[in-house]
Amino acid sequence: MEAYCEGLGHGLDSELPKRVVTERDLQELGQQYNLRDGMARLHQSKINVLRDRQAKRMEELLERQANEMEKLADRKEQELEALASDFAQEEDELAQVFSERKRMMLRVWSLRLE
């Protein structure tokens, strides 16, 4: 339509009738431009909506991951505290066993020395 209205494609062949571009032809060309531009705007709008959705999903994902990371850090800290408590209790028990054995050995030695 554009080429027709601009007279392109009209060769030097004089046997072909000369084209006449009417106001209606120009209006149709304008409608074609509007339709084309409208589609481009529509596609760009859809792309923007999809990008916004993707950005929102990414924010939600990052928030979920941050919450999960915080929970894991808390759980790790609790497990470390439990291990430290267990180790301290085990150390106290071993100290008592060694103390008892030392006391028994000292008693045996004191009896042998007498």
Foldseek 3Di string as FASTA:
>chain_A
DVCLQVVPPPDPDPVDDRDDQDPVNVVVVVVVVVVVVVVVVVVVVVVVVVVVVVVVVVVVVVVVVVVVVVVVVVVVVVVVVVVVVVVVVVVVVVVVVVVVVVVVVVVVVVVVVD
